[in-house]
Every structure is written in C-alpha cells, then in structure tokens.
C-alpha cells in the first residue's frame, strides 16, 4: 500500500511535529569537520555512547548507508522551555521527540514501508547513562536512534537550505531529525 507525503505530514502534525518536509537523502552529506567537532568530545559522548561516533560508523560507512535510501522527511519538534534552567524538561522534550520519531516510523511500517532509518535530535537518551559507558549491551537496540549530527551532517546548513529558523531561542527548544526510507511514497 502506498502512502502520500500529505498523509504522512498529517500524521506528523497529529504527533505535534511542527515541521515535516520531504527531502532527498543526497542532501545529507557527512562532513569531516562535523565529525571533528564530535571528536572534540565537548558533550562527553564520543566513544562512550552507542548512538554517537565512532560507534555509528566511519564517514565512508555512513555515506554508503545513506546511498541505500531514496526518500526522506526532515522533522522538527518544538516546545516552550526555559532552555538554561530546566534540564529535566529539556531531556523530556528530547525523549518526547524520540518517541514521536518511533511512532512515525511505526506509521510508515503499517503503510508497508519496511526499510526505514530514523534519526532523532541530539543524542539518544533512552537510558539516563548510555550502557556503552558501562560496557553493557544496549537495552533498547530496536528503539535507540542516532542523530544527524552524529552521522556528521551539518544541521545548520541543512536547515538553511530549507529556509528554516536556526536562531537559538532561550524560551523554546527545537529538535531536528529525519526519517529515510527506501519504498517510494506517492506525491
């Protein structure tokens, strides 16, 4: 069964995803400079998180995986939060977006789309402490997701290409992710 982009966008709006735009996976180009920023490890996840570099693959491996997909959706979820003050609210908004991406993936699977690669905003936080730091197996391998930044995509350049706002707002958090898929969707 084929599903239209409009049908997908309507479901995304029901999930309170603010932006759901069609994109071609060719726009997701892993950049060496973005990977180098990850290697600086300012967030503390480099090498210690299953959904972050280097565990998500080399730039060459990521490029090869991206070539497997023909279609995609750029997603944004935004909600009011005093970004610098309420860390638990910030984490919860990230988890909310993660779950919305999973729900959208399930919607696509129900429509007959099987080969899907969903990416969330920021690092995966299904666990408060990633089990990679404890040398334990990921307890949620079917739900854990990487991010566009983790695969070395320049998200600011991507958002600029779509003429989406990239300004920091201390009163609102916006998470950006995407879903790539192989099965064609009706236009």
C-alpha atoms as a PDB file:
ATOM      1  CA  UNK A   1       0.000   0.000   0.000  1.00  0.00           C
ATOM      2  CA  UNK A   2       1.404   3.393  -0.981  1.00  0.00           C
ATOM      3  CA  UNK A   3       1.103   6.367   1.330  1.00  0.00           C
ATOM      4  CA  UNK A   4       1.272  10.023   0.315  1.00  0.00           C
ATOM      5  CA  UNK A   5       3.591  12.657   1.747  1.00  0.00           C
ATOM      6  CA  UNK A   6       0.454  14.595   2.681  1.00  0.00           C
ATOM      7  CA  UNK A   7      -0.848  11.581   4.644  1.00  0.00           C
ATOM      8  CA  UNK A   8       2.491  11.286   6.456  1.00  0.00           C
ATOM      9  CA  UNK A   9       2.569  15.034   7.163  1.00  0.00           C
ATOM     10  CA  UNK A  10      -0.955  14.894   8.593  1.00  0.00           C
ATOM     11  CA  UNK A  11       0.066  12.094  10.949  1.00  0.00           C
ATOM     12  CA  UNK A  12       3.206  14.038  11.922  1.00  0.00           C
ATOM     13  CA  UNK A  13       1.037  17.051  12.797  1.00  0.00           C
ATOM     14  CA  UNK A  14      -1.120  14.797  14.982  1.00  0.00           C
ATOM     15  CA  UNK A  15       2.106  13.899  16.808  1.00  0.00           C
ATOM     16  CA  UNK A  16       2.785  17.638  17.228  1.00  0.00           C
ATOM     17  CA  UNK A  17       5.785  17.514  14.918  1.00  0.00           C
ATOM     18  CA  UNK A  18       5.979  21.116  13.730  1.00  0.00           C
ATOM     19  CA  UNK A  19       7.921  20.528  10.506  1.00  0.00           C
ATOM     20  CA  UNK A  20       7.646  17.547   8.176  1.00  0.00           C
ATOM     21  CA  UNK A  21       9.257  18.302   4.821  1.00  0.00           C
ATOM     22  CA  UNK A  22      10.209  15.923   2.074  1.00  0.00           C
ATOM     23  CA  UNK A  23      13.929  15.715   1.413  1.00  0.00           C
ATOM     24  CA  UNK A  24      16.209  13.643  -0.724  1.00  0.00           C
ATOM     25  CA  UNK A  25      18.871  11.703   1.178  1.00  0.00           C
ATOM     26  CA  UNK A  26      21.520  13.215  -1.146  1.00  0.00           C
ATOM     27  CA  UNK A  27      21.165  16.398   0.950  1.00  0.00           C
ATOM     28  CA  UNK A  28      22.582  14.540   3.954  1.00  0.00           C
ATOM     29  CA  UNK A  29      26.291  14.752   3.328  1.00  0.00           C
ATOM     30  CA  UNK A  30      28.576  13.632   6.158  1.00  0.00           C
ATOM     31  CA  UNK A  31      31.284  16.255   6.666  1.00  0.00           C
ATOM     32  CA  UNK A  32      34.722  15.680   8.079  1.00  0.00           C
ATOM     33  CA  UNK A  33      34.548  18.971  10.041  1.00  0.00           C
ATOM     34  CA  UNK A  34      31.343  17.912  11.819  1.00  0.00           C
ATOM     35  CA  UNK A  35      32.952  14.603  12.777  1.00  0.00           C
ATOM     36  CA  UNK A  36      35.983  16.513  14.055  1.00  0.00           C
ATOM     37  CA  UNK A  37      33.684  18.563  16.273  1.00  0.00           C
ATOM     38  CA  UNK A  38      32.351  15.308  17.725  1.00  0.00           C
ATOM     39  CA  UNK A  39      35.901  14.113  18.304  1.00  0.00           C
ATOM     40  CA  UNK A  40      36.496  17.176  20.479  1.00  0.00           C
ATOM     41  CA  UNK A  41      34.042  15.415  22.830  1.00  0.00           C
ATOM     42  CA  UNK A  42      32.601  18.532  24.431  1.00  0.00           C
ATOM     43  CA  UNK A  43      29.365  16.639  25.150  1.00  0.00           C
ATOM     44  CA  UNK A  44      31.193  13.646  26.641  1.00  0.00           C
ATOM     45  CA  UNK A  45      29.588  11.080  24.346  1.00  0.00           C
ATOM     46  CA  UNK A  46      32.359  10.433  21.829  1.00  0.00           C
ATOM     47  CA  UNK A  47      33.324   6.766  22.180  1.00  0.00           C
ATOM     48  CA  UNK A  48      31.029   6.326  25.180  1.00  0.00           C
ATOM     49  CA  UNK A  49      27.595   6.269  23.569  1.00  0.00           C
ATOM     50  CA  UNK A  50      26.132   3.644  21.257  1.00  0.00           C
ATOM     51  CA  UNK A  51      24.400   6.211  19.046  1.00  0.00           C
ATOM     52  CA  UNK A  52      27.371   8.581  18.722  1.00  0.00           C
ATOM     53  CA  UNK A  53      30.701   8.453  16.889  1.00  0.00           C
ATOM     54  CA  UNK A  54      32.766   6.482  16.380  1.00  0.00           C
ATOM     55  CA  UNK A  55      30.233   3.693  17.080  1.00  0.00           C
ATOM     56  CA  UNK A  56      27.828   4.918  14.368  1.00  0.00           C
ATOM     57  CA  UNK A  57      30.395   4.237  11.656  1.00  0.00           C
ATOM     58  CA  UNK A  58      33.052   5.995   9.647  1.00  0.00           C
ATOM     59  CA  UNK A  59      32.136   8.750   7.212  1.00  0.00           C
ATOM     60  CA  UNK A  60      32.561   6.256   4.370  1.00  0.00           C
ATOM     61  CA  UNK A  61      30.249   3.725   6.044  1.00  0.00           C
ATOM     62  CA  UNK A  62      27.644   6.418   6.677  1.00  0.00           C
ATOM     63  CA  UNK A  63      27.847   7.644   3.058  1.00  0.00           C
ATOM     64  CA  UNK A  64      27.327   4.081   1.830  1.00  0.00           C
ATOM     65  CA  UNK A  65      24.327   3.583   4.118  1.00  0.00           C
ATOM     66  CA  UNK A  66      22.768   6.881   3.005  1.00  0.00           C
ATOM     67  CA  UNK A  67      23.010   5.744  -0.625  1.00  0.00           C
ATOM     68  CA  UNK A  68      20.568   2.921   0.181  1.00  0.00           C
ATOM     69  CA  UNK A  69      17.673   5.343   0.690  1.00  0.00           C
ATOM     70  CA  UNK A  70      15.652   7.153  -1.954  1.00  0.00           C
ATOM     71  CA  UNK A  71      13.277   9.319   0.104  1.00  0.00           C
ATOM     72  CA  UNK A  72      13.234  11.166   3.369  1.00  0.00           C
ATOM     73  CA  UNK A  73      11.432  13.529   5.700  1.00  0.00           C
ATOM     74  CA  UNK A  74      13.032  16.358   7.639  1.00  0.00           C
ATOM     75  CA  UNK A  75      11.348  16.648  11.034  1.00  0.00           C
ATOM     76  CA  UNK A  76      11.283  19.295  13.737  1.00  0.00           C
ATOM     77  CA  UNK A  77       9.605  19.261  17.116  1.00  0.00           C
ATOM     78  CA  UNK A  78       9.478  22.423  19.183  1.00  0.00           C
ATOM     79  CA  UNK A  79       8.123  23.311  22.565  1.00  0.00           C
ATOM     80  CA  UNK A  80       8.454  26.183  25.031  1.00  0.00           C
ATOM     81  CA  UNK A  81      11.112  25.546  27.673  1.00  0.00           C
ATOM     82  CA  UNK A  82      13.491  27.827  29.518  1.00  0.00           C
ATOM     83  CA  UNK A  83      16.474  26.085  27.974  1.00  0.00           C
ATOM     84  CA  UNK A  84      19.151  27.008  30.510  1.00  0.00           C
ATOM     85  CA  UNK A  85      17.102  26.409  33.635  1.00  0.00           C
ATOM     86  CA  UNK A  86      15.116  23.195  33.418  1.00  0.00           C
ATOM     87  CA  UNK A  87      17.446  20.379  32.378  1.00  0.00           C
ATOM     88  CA  UNK A  88      14.872  17.683  33.180  1.00  0.00           C
ATOM     89  CA  UNK A  89      12.301  19.420  30.948  1.00  0.00           C
ATOM     90  CA  UNK A  90      14.904  19.686  28.207  1.00  0.00           C
ATOM     91  CA  UNK A  91      15.700  15.969  28.473  1.00  0.00           C
ATOM     92  CA  UNK A  92      11.993  15.125  28.494  1.00  0.00           C
ATOM     93  CA  UNK A  93      11.398  17.151  25.321  1.00  0.00           C
ATOM     94  CA  UNK A  94      14.230  15.248  23.646  1.00  0.00           C
ATOM     95  CA  UNK A  95      12.692  11.935  24.726  1.00  0.00           C
ATOM     96  CA  UNK A  96       9.281  13.116  23.521  1.00  0.00           C
ATOM     97  CA  UNK A  97      10.712  13.819  20.064  1.00  0.00           C
ATOM     98  CA  UNK A  98      12.499  10.448  20.060  1.00  0.00           C
ATOM     99  CA  UNK A  99       9.197   8.677  20.768  1.00  0.00           C
ATOM    100  CA  UNK A 100       7.424  10.727  18.081  1.00  0.00           C
ATOM    101  CA  UNK A 101      10.049   9.609  15.538  1.00  0.00           C
ATOM    102  CA  UNK A 102       9.451   5.999  16.609  1.00  0.00           C
ATOM    103  CA  UNK A 103       5.685   6.483  16.218  1.00  0.00           C
ATOM    104  CA  UNK A 104       6.169   7.953  12.750  1.00  0.00           C
ATOM    105  CA  UNK A 105       8.387   5.004  11.830  1.00  0.00           C
ATOM    106  CA  UNK A 106       5.648   2.631  13.002  1.00  0.00           C
ATOM    107  CA  UNK A 107       3.089   4.549  10.924  1.00  0.00           C
ATOM    108  CA  UNK A 108       5.302   4.091   7.853  1.00  0.00           C
ATOM    109  CA  UNK A 109       5.748   0.385   8.578  1.00  0.00           C
ATOM    110  CA  UNK A 110       1.970  -0.010   8.865  1.00  0.00           C
ATOM    111  CA  UNK A 111       1.725   1.581   5.405  1.00  0.00           C
ATOM    112  CA  UNK A 112       4.061  -1.109   4.021  1.00  0.00           C
ATOM    113  CA  UNK A 113       7.361   0.754   4.173  1.00  0.00           C
ATOM    114  CA  UNK A 114       9.931  -1.607   5.635  1.00  0.00           C
ATOM    115  CA  UNK A 115      13.396  -0.103   5.150  1.00  0.00           C
ATOM    116  CA  UNK A 116      13.484   2.914   7.456  1.00  0.00           C
ATOM    117  CA  UNK A 117      16.282   4.869   9.125  1.00  0.00           C
ATOM    118  CA  UNK A 118      15.009   7.314  11.729  1.00  0.00           C
ATOM    119  CA  UNK A 119      17.209   9.912  13.383  1.00  0.00           C
ATOM    120  CA  UNK A 120      16.409  11.955  16.458  1.00  0.00           C
ATOM    121  CA  UNK A 121      17.550  15.325  17.800  1.00  0.00           C
ATOM    122  CA  UNK A 122      20.647  15.288  19.952  1.00  0.00           C
ATOM    123  CA  UNK A 123      21.985  12.057  21.365  1.00  0.00           C
ATOM    124  CA  UNK A 124      19.764   9.124  22.254  1.00  0.00           C
ATOM    125  CA  UNK A 125      18.700   9.380  25.889  1.00  0.00           C
ATOM    126  CA  UNK A 126      16.503   6.341  26.327  1.00  0.00           C
ATOM    127  CA  UNK A 127      18.838   5.487  29.201  1.00  0.00           C
ATOM    128  CA  UNK A 128      19.993   8.137  31.662  1.00  0.00           C
ATOM    129  CA  UNK A 129      23.505   6.739  31.267  1.00  0.00           C
ATOM    130  CA  UNK A 130      24.297   5.012  27.987  1.00  0.00           C
ATOM    131  CA  UNK A 131      25.232   1.426  28.697  1.00  0.00           C
ATOM    132  CA  UNK A 132      28.261   1.846  26.413  1.00  0.00           C
ATOM    133  CA  UNK A 133      29.887   3.771  29.273  1.00  0.00           C
ATOM    134  CA  UNK A 134      29.367   0.721  31.487  1.00  0.00           C
ATOM    135  CA  UNK A 135      30.462  -1.810  28.835  1.00  0.00           C
ATOM    136  CA  UNK A 136      26.950  -3.273  28.879  1.00  0.00           C
ATOM    137  CA  UNK A 137      24.699  -4.112  25.933  1.00  0.00           C
ATOM    138  CA  UNK A 138      22.158  -1.543  24.808  1.00  0.00           C
ATOM    139  CA  UNK A 139      18.828  -2.488  26.439  1.00  0.00           C
ATOM    140  CA  UNK A 140      16.847  -0.851  23.595  1.00  0.00           C
ATOM    141  CA  UNK A 141      18.623  -1.695  20.328  1.00  0.00           C
ATOM    142  CA  UNK A 142      15.313  -1.644  18.421  1.00  0.00           C
ATOM    143  CA  UNK A 143      14.456   1.846  19.723  1.00  0.00           C
ATOM    144  CA  UNK A 144      17.829   3.583  20.069  1.00  0.00           C
ATOM    145  CA  UNK A 145      18.424   6.178  17.354  1.00  0.00           C
ATOM    146  CA  UNK A 146      21.327   8.282  16.234  1.00  0.00           C
ATOM    147  CA  UNK A 147      21.129  11.925  15.205  1.00  0.00           C
ATOM    148  CA  UNK A 148      22.000  13.898  12.091  1.00  0.00           C
ATOM    149  CA  UNK A 149      24.965  15.453  13.915  1.00  0.00           C
ATOM    150  CA  UNK A 150      26.212  12.011  14.973  1.00  0.00           C
ATOM    151  CA  UNK A 151      26.376  10.972  11.311  1.00  0.00           C
ATOM    152  CA  UNK A 152      28.318  14.210  10.633  1.00  0.00           C
ATOM    153  CA  UNK A 153      25.597  16.180   8.838  1.00  0.00           C
ATOM    154  CA  UNK A 154      25.799  19.963   9.138  1.00  0.00           C
ATOM    155  CA  UNK A 155      22.293  20.530  10.502  1.00  0.00           C
ATOM    156  CA  UNK A 156      22.542  24.345  10.347  1.00  0.00           C
ATOM    157  CA  UNK A 157      23.361  24.205   6.618  1.00  0.00           C
ATOM    158  CA  UNK A 158      20.529  21.725   6.075  1.00  0.00           C
ATOM    159  CA  UNK A 159      18.025  23.955   7.892  1.00  0.00           C
ATOM    160  CA  UNK A 160      19.250  26.980   5.941  1.00  0.00           C
ATOM    161  CA  UNK A 161      18.668  25.077   2.709  1.00  0.00           C
ATOM    162  CA  UNK A 162      15.034  24.636   3.739  1.00  0.00           C
ATOM    163  CA  UNK A 163      14.869  28.249   4.970  1.00  0.00           C
ATOM    164  CA  UNK A 164      14.067  27.101   8.490  1.00  0.00           C
ATOM    165  CA  UNK A 165      14.932  29.207  11.522  1.00  0.00           C
ATOM    166  CA  UNK A 166      18.311  28.364  13.047  1.00  0.00           C
ATOM    167  CA  UNK A 167      18.393  31.005  15.772  1.00  0.00           C
ATOM    168  CA  UNK A 168      18.782  29.963  19.396  1.00  0.00           C
ATOM    169  CA  UNK A 169      15.721  30.821  21.493  1.00  0.00           C
ATOM    170  CA  UNK A 170      16.265  30.620  25.271  1.00  0.00           C
ATOM    171  CA  UNK A 171      12.498  30.189  25.758  1.00  0.00           C
ATOM    172  CA  UNK A 172      11.978  27.356  23.239  1.00  0.00           C
ATOM    173  CA  UNK A 173      13.740  24.136  22.315  1.00  0.00           C
ATOM    174  CA  UNK A 174      13.595  22.731  18.796  1.00  0.00           C
ATOM    175  CA  UNK A 175      14.807  19.238  17.951  1.00  0.00           C
ATOM    176  CA  UNK A 176      15.641  18.306  14.362  1.00  0.00           C
ATOM    177  CA  UNK A 177      15.686  14.774  12.997  1.00  0.00           C
ATOM    178  CA  UNK A 178      14.673  12.858   9.926  1.00  0.00           C
ATOM    179  CA  UNK A 179      13.368   9.595   8.613  1.00  0.00           C
ATOM    180  CA  UNK A 180      14.813   7.988   5.496  1.00  0.00           C
ATOM    181  CA  UNK A 181      13.138   5.157   3.647  1.00  0.00           C
ATOM    182  CA  UNK A 182      13.512   3.020   0.525  1.00  0.00           C
ATOM    183  CA  UNK A 183       9.943   2.457  -0.545  1.00  0.00           C
ATOM    184  CA  UNK A 184       8.544   5.160  -2.749  1.00  0.00           C
ATOM    185  CA  UNK A 185       5.839   7.382  -1.414  1.00  0.00           C
ATOM    186  CA  UNK A 186       3.131   8.860  -3.632  1.00  0.00           C
ATOM    187  CA  UNK A 187       3.494  12.558  -4.323  1.00  0.00           C
END
